[in-house]
C-alpha atoms as a PDB file:
ATOM      1  CA  MET A   1      14.145 -16.336   6.423  1.00  0.00           C
ATOM      2  CA  GLY A   2      13.571 -19.198   4.003  1.00  0.00           C
ATOM      3  CA  LEU A   3      15.171 -22.641   4.132  1.00  0.00           C
ATOM      4  CA  GLU A   4      18.828 -23.374   4.802  1.00  0.00           C
ATOM      5  CA  ALA A   5      20.850 -26.589   4.842  1.00  0.00           C
ATOM      6  CA  SER A   6      24.426 -27.781   4.971  1.00  0.00           C
ATOM      7  CA  CYS A   7      24.720 -30.137   2.023  1.00  0.00           C
ATOM      8  CA  SER A   8      26.664 -30.943  -1.127  1.00  0.00           C
ATOM      9  CA  LEU A   9      26.170 -29.618  -4.637  1.00  0.00           C
ATOM     10  CA  ARG A  10      26.956 -31.611  -7.763  1.00  0.00           C
ATOM     11  CA  LEU A  11      27.626 -29.709 -10.962  1.00  0.00           C
ATOM     12  CA  GLY A  12      28.649 -31.923 -13.835  1.00  0.00           C
ATOM     13  CA  ARG A  13      31.177 -34.429 -12.494  1.00  0.00           C
ATOM     14  CA  LYS A  14      32.267 -32.342  -9.519  1.00  0.00           C
ATOM     15  CA  THR A  15      30.736 -32.330  -6.028  1.00  0.00           C
ATOM     16  CA  HIS A  16      31.194 -29.399  -3.651  1.00  0.00           C
ATOM     17  CA  PRO A  17      30.434 -29.153   0.093  1.00  0.00           C
ATOM     18  CA  GLY A  18      28.761 -26.008   1.376  1.00  0.00           C
ATOM     19  CA  LYS A  19      25.496 -24.428   2.448  1.00  0.00           C
ATOM     20  CA  ALA A  20      22.309 -23.903   0.432  1.00  0.00           C
ATOM     21  CA  HIS A  21      19.734 -21.201   1.110  1.00  0.00           C
ATOM     22  CA  LEU A  22      16.270 -20.950  -0.448  1.00  0.00           C
ATOM     23  CA  ASP A  23      14.057 -17.878  -0.270  1.00  0.00           C
ATOM     24  CA  THR A  24      11.043 -16.775  -2.284  1.00  0.00           C
ATOM     25  CA  GLU A  25      13.140 -15.526  -5.220  1.00  0.00           C
ATOM     26  CA  LYS A  26      16.233 -17.648  -5.548  1.00  0.00           C
ATOM     27  CA  LEU A  27      18.330 -20.594  -4.430  1.00  0.00           C
ATOM     28  CA  THR A  28      21.917 -19.860  -3.479  1.00  0.00           C
ATOM     29  CA  PHE A  29      24.835 -22.160  -2.681  1.00  0.00           C
ATOM     30  CA  ARG A  30      28.057 -21.048  -1.034  1.00  0.00           C
ATOM     31  CA  GLY A  31      31.085 -23.186  -0.259  1.00  0.00           C
ATOM     32  CA  GLY A  32      33.240 -25.225  -2.606  1.00  0.00           C
ATOM     33  CA  ALA A  33      31.264 -23.659  -5.449  1.00  0.00           C
ATOM     34  CA  ARG A  34      29.110 -20.568  -5.819  1.00  0.00           C
ATOM     35  CA  LEU A  35      25.670 -20.845  -7.393  1.00  0.00           C
ATOM     36  CA  ASP A  36      22.642 -18.553  -7.725  1.00  0.00           C
ATOM     37  CA  ILE A  37      19.440 -19.869  -9.305  1.00  0.00           C
ATOM     38  CA  PHE A  38      16.501 -17.498  -9.662  1.00  0.00           C
ATOM     39  CA  LEU A  39      13.300 -19.498  -9.211  1.00  0.00           C
ATOM     40  CA  LYS A  40      11.717 -17.898 -12.264  1.00  0.00           C
ATOM     41  CA  SER A  41      14.392 -19.669 -14.363  1.00  0.00           C
ATOM     42  CA  VAL A  42      13.651 -23.136 -12.933  1.00  0.00           C
ATOM     43  CA  LYS A  43      12.124 -25.626 -15.375  1.00  0.00           C
ATOM     44  CA  SER A  44      11.840 -28.574 -12.971  1.00  0.00           C
ATOM     45  CA  ALA A  45      12.788 -29.691  -9.454  1.00  0.00           C
ATOM     46  CA  GLU A  46      12.708 -33.465  -9.013  1.00  0.00           C
ATOM     47  CA  VAL A  47      13.436 -35.543  -5.910  1.00  0.00           C
ATOM     48  CA  GLY A  48      15.532 -38.699  -6.190  1.00  0.00           C
ATOM     49  CA  LYS A  49      16.719 -41.452  -3.854  1.00  0.00           C
ATOM     50  CA  GLY A  50      18.514 -40.482  -0.686  1.00  0.00           C
ATOM     51  CA  GLY A  51      17.225 -36.920  -0.547  1.00  0.00           C
ATOM     52  CA  VAL A  52      18.714 -35.815  -3.864  1.00  0.00           C
ATOM     53  CA  LEU A  53      17.105 -32.753  -5.469  1.00  0.00           C
ATOM     54  CA  VAL A  54      17.764 -32.296  -9.185  1.00  0.00           C
ATOM     55  CA  ILE A  55      17.121 -28.765 -10.462  1.00  0.00           C
ATOM     56  CA  THR A  56      16.863 -28.030 -14.160  1.00  0.00           C
ATOM     57  CA  HIS A  57      17.096 -24.338 -15.002  1.00  0.00           C
ATOM     58  CA  ASP A  58      18.613 -21.941 -17.517  1.00  0.00           C
ATOM     59  CA  GLY A  59      22.128 -22.957 -16.453  1.00  0.00           C
ATOM     60  CA  PRO A  60      23.817 -26.345 -15.909  1.00  0.00           C
ATOM     61  CA  ILE A  61      21.729 -28.962 -14.061  1.00  0.00           C
ATOM     62  CA  ALA A  62      22.308 -28.617 -10.313  1.00  0.00           C
ATOM     63  CA  THR A  63      21.954 -31.522  -7.891  1.00  0.00           C
ATOM     64  CA  LEU A  64      21.618 -30.849  -4.169  1.00  0.00           C
ATOM     65  CA  MET A  65      22.250 -33.759  -1.817  1.00  0.00           C
ATOM     66  CA  LEU A  66      20.030 -32.730   1.077  1.00  0.00           C
ATOM     67  CA  GLY A  67      20.257 -36.017   2.987  1.00  0.00           C
ATOM     68  CA  ASP A  68      16.661 -37.207   3.242  1.00  0.00           C
ATOM     69  CA  ARG A  69      13.600 -37.369   1.032  1.00  0.00           C
ATOM     70  CA  THR A  70      11.317 -35.349   3.349  1.00  0.00           C
ATOM     71  CA  THR A  71      13.684 -32.373   3.293  1.00  0.00           C
ATOM     72  CA  ALA A  72      14.185 -32.628  -0.465  1.00  0.00           C
ATOM     73  CA  GLU A  73      10.400 -32.752  -1.058  1.00  0.00           C
ATOM     74  CA  LYS A  74       9.914 -29.638   1.066  1.00  0.00           C
ATOM     75  CA  TRP A  75      12.530 -27.756  -0.948  1.00  0.00           C
ATOM     76  CA  ALA A  76      11.090 -29.016  -4.225  1.00  0.00           C
ATOM     77  CA  VAL A  77       7.591 -27.757  -3.398  1.00  0.00           C
ATOM     78  CA  LYS A  78       8.866 -24.299  -2.505  1.00  0.00           C
ATOM     79  CA  ILE A  79      10.946 -24.150  -5.680  1.00  0.00           C
ATOM     80  CA  ARG A  80       8.036 -25.237  -7.875  1.00  0.00           C
ATOM     81  CA  HIS A  81       5.496 -22.968  -6.192  1.00  0.00           C
ATOM     82  CA  PRO A  82       7.242 -19.820  -4.928  1.00  0.00           C
ATOM     83  CA  ARG A  83       5.142 -17.204  -3.155  1.00  0.00           C
ATOM     84  CA  SER A  84       4.273 -14.231  -5.328  1.00  0.00           C
ATOM     85  CA  LEU A  85       5.267 -10.681  -4.459  1.00  0.00           C
ATOM     86  CA  VAL A  86       1.723  -9.714  -3.467  1.00  0.00           C
ATOM     87  CA  ASP A  87       1.568 -12.758  -1.172  1.00  0.00           C
ATOM     88  CA  LYS A  88       4.744 -11.648   0.586  1.00  0.00           C
ATOM     89  CA  LEU A  89       3.376  -8.135   0.934  1.00  0.00           C
ATOM     90  CA  GLY A  90       0.111  -9.357   2.455  1.00  0.00           C
ATOM     91  CA  LEU A  91      -2.269  -8.006  -0.168  1.00  0.00           C
ATOM     92  CA  LYS A  92      -5.825  -9.374  -0.005  1.00  0.00           C
ATOM     93  CA  PRO A  93      -8.914  -8.782  -2.146  1.00  0.00           C
ATOM     94  CA  GLY A  94     -10.936  -5.744  -1.135  1.00  0.00           C
ATOM     95  CA  GLN A  95      -8.274  -4.029   0.963  1.00  0.00           C
ATOM     96  CA  LYS A  96      -7.923  -0.252   0.884  1.00  0.00           C
ATOM     97  CA  VAL A  97      -4.466   0.364  -0.531  1.00  0.00           C
ATOM     98  CA  ALA A  98      -2.549   3.436  -1.681  1.00  0.00           C
ATOM     99  CA  VAL A  99       0.631   3.359  -3.769  1.00  0.00           C
ATOM    100  CA  LEU A 100       2.655   6.542  -3.454  1.00  0.00           C
ATOM    101  CA  GLY A 101       5.574   7.005  -5.828  1.00  0.00           C
ATOM    102  CA  VAL A 102       6.243   3.301  -6.405  1.00  0.00           C
ATOM    103  CA  ASP A 103       6.695   2.936 -10.157  1.00  0.00           C
ATOM    104  CA  ASP A 104       6.894  -0.802 -10.776  1.00  0.00           C
ATOM    105  CA  PRO A 105       4.603  -2.078 -13.573  1.00  0.00           C
ATOM    106  CA  VAL A 106       4.791  -5.719 -12.491  1.00  0.00           C
ATOM    107  CA  PHE A 107       3.859  -4.907  -8.898  1.00  0.00           C
ATOM    108  CA  LEU A 108       1.064  -2.552  -9.944  1.00  0.00           C
ATOM    109  CA  ARG A 109      -0.404  -5.154 -12.284  1.00  0.00           C
ATOM    110  CA  GLU A 110      -0.277  -7.907  -9.649  1.00  0.00           C
ATOM    111  CA  ALA A 111      -1.683  -5.592  -6.972  1.00  0.00           C
ATOM    112  CA  THR A 112      -4.604  -4.589  -9.185  1.00  0.00           C
ATOM    113  CA  MET A 113      -5.397  -8.218  -9.930  1.00  0.00           C
ATOM    114  CA  ARG A 114      -5.256  -9.204  -6.257  1.00  0.00           C
ATOM    115  CA  LEU A 115      -7.276  -6.229  -4.962  1.00  0.00           C
ATOM    116  CA  GLY A 116      -9.870  -6.349  -7.727  1.00  0.00           C
ATOM    117  CA  ALA A 117      -9.270  -2.672  -8.507  1.00  0.00           C
ATOM    118  CA  ALA A 118      -6.328  -0.346  -9.071  1.00  0.00           C
ATOM    119  CA  PRO A 119      -4.832   0.942  -5.800  1.00  0.00           C
ATOM    120  CA  ALA A 120      -5.245   4.626  -4.998  1.00  0.00           C
ATOM    121  CA  THR A 121      -2.441   7.012  -5.932  1.00  0.00           C
ATOM    122  CA  GLN A 122      -3.326   9.549  -3.233  1.00  0.00           C
ATOM    123  CA  PRO A 123      -3.461   8.866   0.507  1.00  0.00           C
ATOM    124  CA  GLY A 124      -7.039   8.516   1.701  1.00  0.00           C
ATOM    125  CA  SER A 125      -8.166   7.526   5.199  1.00  0.00           C
ATOM    126  CA  GLY A 126      -8.624   4.201   6.961  1.00  0.00           C
ATOM    127  CA  LEU A 127      -6.087   2.534   4.680  1.00  0.00           C
ATOM    128  CA  ASP A 128      -5.034  -1.069   5.195  1.00  0.00           C
ATOM    129  CA  ILE A 129      -1.695  -0.686   3.418  1.00  0.00           C
ATOM    130  CA  ILE A 130       0.368   2.195   2.051  1.00  0.00           C
ATOM    131  CA  PHE A 131       3.296   1.574  -0.289  1.00  0.00           C
ATOM    132  CA  TYR A 132       5.614   4.562  -0.054  1.00  0.00           C
ATOM    133  CA  ALA A 133       8.722   5.105  -2.189  1.00  0.00           C
ATOM    134  CA  ALA A 134      11.549   6.794  -0.283  1.00  0.00           C
ATOM    135  CA  ASP A 135      15.205   7.165  -1.211  1.00  0.00           C
ATOM    136  CA  ARG A 136      16.176  10.208   0.841  1.00  0.00           C
ATOM    137  CA  ALA A 137      16.182  10.781   4.585  1.00  0.00           C
ATOM    138  CA  SER A 138      14.011  13.866   4.096  1.00  0.00           C
ATOM    139  CA  GLU A 139      11.297  11.719   2.484  1.00  0.00           C
ATOM    140  CA  LEU A 140      11.124   9.533   5.583  1.00  0.00           C
ATOM    141  CA  ALA A 141       9.809  12.490   7.574  1.00  0.00           C
ATOM    142  CA  LYS A 142       6.460  11.945   5.844  1.00  0.00           C
ATOM    143  CA  LEU A 143       5.894   8.700   7.755  1.00  0.00           C
ATOM    144  CA  LYS A 144       4.261  10.613  10.616  1.00  0.00           C
ATOM    145  CA  SER A 145       1.574  12.089   8.375  1.00  0.00           C
ATOM    146  CA  LEU A 146       1.080   8.784   6.555  1.00  0.00           C
ATOM    147  CA  LYS A 147       0.513   7.065   9.894  1.00  0.00           C
ATOM    148  CA  SER A 148      -2.650   9.142  10.348  1.00  0.00           C
ATOM    149  CA  ARG A 149      -4.017   7.671   7.110  1.00  0.00           C
ATOM    150  CA  LEU A 150      -3.936   4.096   8.388  1.00  0.00           C
ATOM    151  CA  GLN A 151      -6.625   2.097  10.076  1.00  0.00           C
ATOM    152  CA  PRO A 152      -5.279   0.914  13.485  1.00  0.00           C
ATOM    153  CA  ALA A 153      -3.985  -2.437  12.195  1.00  0.00           C
ATOM    154  CA  GLY A 154      -2.737  -0.990   8.902  1.00  0.00           C
ATOM    155  CA  ALA A 155       0.825  -0.948   7.622  1.00  0.00           C
ATOM    156  CA  ILE A 156       3.215   1.162   5.591  1.00  0.00           C
ATOM    157  CA  TRP A 157       5.686  -0.555   3.275  1.00  0.00           C
ATOM    158  CA  VAL A 158       8.655   1.749   2.691  1.00  0.00           C
ATOM    159  CA  VAL A 159      10.133   0.858  -0.700  1.00  0.00           C
ATOM    160  CA  SER A 160      13.715   1.943  -1.396  1.00  0.00           C
ATOM    161  CA  ARG A 161      16.691   1.040  -3.552  1.00  0.00           C
ATOM    162  CA  LYS A 162      18.955  -1.743  -2.330  1.00  0.00           C
ATOM    163  CA  GLY A 163      22.533  -2.799  -2.825  1.00  0.00           C
ATOM    164  CA  LYS A 164      25.150  -0.455  -4.230  1.00  0.00           C
ATOM    165  CA  THR A 165      22.525   2.030  -5.455  1.00  0.00           C
ATOM    166  CA  ALA A 166      20.898   2.421  -2.009  1.00  0.00           C
ATOM    167  CA  THR A 167      20.850   5.977  -0.654  1.00  0.00           C
ATOM    168  CA  ILE A 168      19.196   5.099   2.670  1.00  0.00           C
ATOM    169  CA  LYS A 169      19.576   2.008   4.843  1.00  0.00           C
ATOM    170  CA  ASP A 170      17.099  -0.100   6.781  1.00  0.00           C
ATOM    171  CA  VAL A 171      18.382   1.475  10.004  1.00  0.00           C
ATOM    172  CA  ASP A 172      17.439   4.912   8.626  1.00  0.00           C
ATOM    173  CA  VAL A 173      13.896   3.721   7.917  1.00  0.00           C
ATOM    174  CA  MET A 174      13.648   2.119  11.358  1.00  0.00           C
ATOM    175  CA  ALA A 175      14.812   5.288  13.090  1.00  0.00           C
ATOM    176  CA  ALA A 176      12.349   7.436  11.127  1.00  0.00           C
ATOM    177  CA  ALA A 177       9.569   4.958  11.947  1.00  0.00           C
ATOM    178  CA  ARG A 178      10.286   5.186  15.672  1.00  0.00           C
ATOM    179  CA  ALA A 179      10.271   8.973  15.469  1.00  0.00           C
ATOM    180  CA  ALA A 180       6.821   8.751  13.832  1.00  0.00           C
ATOM    181  CA  GLY A 181       5.471   6.412  16.510  1.00  0.00           C
ATOM    182  CA  LEU A 182       5.748   3.297  14.362  1.00  0.00           C
ATOM    183  CA  VAL A 183       7.631   0.009  14.676  1.00  0.00           C
ATOM    184  CA  ASP A 184       9.145  -2.190  11.973  1.00  0.00           C
ATOM    185  CA  ASN A 185       8.127  -5.842  11.819  1.00  0.00           C
ATOM    186  CA  LYS A 186       9.050  -7.242   8.391  1.00  0.00           C
ATOM    187  CA  VAL A 187      11.398  -6.763   5.471  1.00  0.00           C
ATOM    188  CA  CYS A 188      11.287  -8.414   2.057  1.00  0.00           C
ATOM    189  CA  SER A 189      12.799  -8.143  -1.379  1.00  0.00           C
ATOM    190  CA  PHE A 190      10.491  -6.011  -3.522  1.00  0.00           C
ATOM    191  CA  SER A 191      12.348  -6.484  -6.800  1.00  0.00           C
ATOM    192  CA  GLU A 192      15.869  -7.043  -8.096  1.00  0.00           C
ATOM    193  CA  THR A 193      16.589  -3.353  -7.440  1.00  0.00           C
ATOM    194  CA  HIS A 194      14.391  -2.475  -4.448  1.00  0.00           C
ATOM    195  CA  THR A 195      13.684  -3.649  -0.925  1.00  0.00           C
ATOM    196  CA  ALA A 196      10.603  -3.066   1.234  1.00  0.00           C
ATOM    197  CA  LEU A 197      10.392  -2.611   4.996  1.00  0.00           C
ATOM    198  CA  ARG A 198       7.025  -2.749   6.787  1.00  0.00           C
ATOM    199  CA  VAL A 199       6.200  -0.435   9.677  1.00  0.00           C
ATOM    200  CA  VAL A 200       3.042  -0.500  11.783  1.00  0.00           C
ATOM    201  CA  ILE A 201       1.379   1.220  14.731  1.00  0.00           C
ATOM    202  CA  PRO A 202       2.443  -0.515  17.987  1.00  0.00           C
ATOM    203  CA  LEU A 203      -0.259  -2.715  19.511  1.00  0.00           C
ATOM    204  CA  ALA A 204      -0.327  -0.668  22.718  1.00  0.00           C
ATOM    205  CA  ALA A 205      -1.073   2.503  20.743  1.00  0.00           C
ATOM    206  CA  ARG A 206      -3.831   1.176  18.472  1.00  0.00           C
ATOM    207  CA  SER A 207      -6.701   1.879  20.816  1.00  0.00           C
ATOM    208  CA  LYS A 208      -5.656   5.486  21.390  1.00  0.00           C
END
C-alpha cells in the first residue's frame, strides 16, 4: 500500500542510496540511512529541479531524489494532504455506525464530526459499520453475532493492539472471520498503538 521508490536520500552533506515508502501516516527510508518522518510533523514538501523533493519537518531537512518531477509532485501532494483516519475507514455522513469498546478520543471525535452525530455504543440493526475492539481470541467469537447486526454490504472493523503489545494476530482475526461466515478485505493502521482489519459478508451470501 502507498507509494514506494528506489531513490537517494540527502541528509546534510551526505547522500544515501535506498528505498523510500510513503503511506497515509509516515514516510520511511531504508538503505544507507534509516529515516522515519510522521506526516503530522511535516512543515513543507517542495519539489525542485530533477525530481528533488525537499521535506522540512521536526528533524533535519530531508531531500529525496526521486528522479523526475511528476513523481516528486505526486509524493509532495500526498505528504501535504494525507488522508484522515475516517477517510481510510470509509466513514460517510449519515451512516449507521456502532463503536464497541474502542476507546480512542481522537477517532471518536473525528467519527462524530464525519457522521454528523455520535456513533452508537450498542449494536443495533442494519448497521453500515461496526468498530469492535478485540485483544483476546475469545472476544473474536462475537463476530458471528455482530454479523447479524450488519446490513448486507456492511462491515466490521476489528481493532486490536499491534506490535510488541499485540495479543492476537491478523491471522487470528481472519480465521475467526471465516468461522463466522465473513471475509477480510482491508487492513489499516488505526493509531500508533492499534491496527484495524475489516471483515465483510461475502458477496455470494448477501442475498441470503
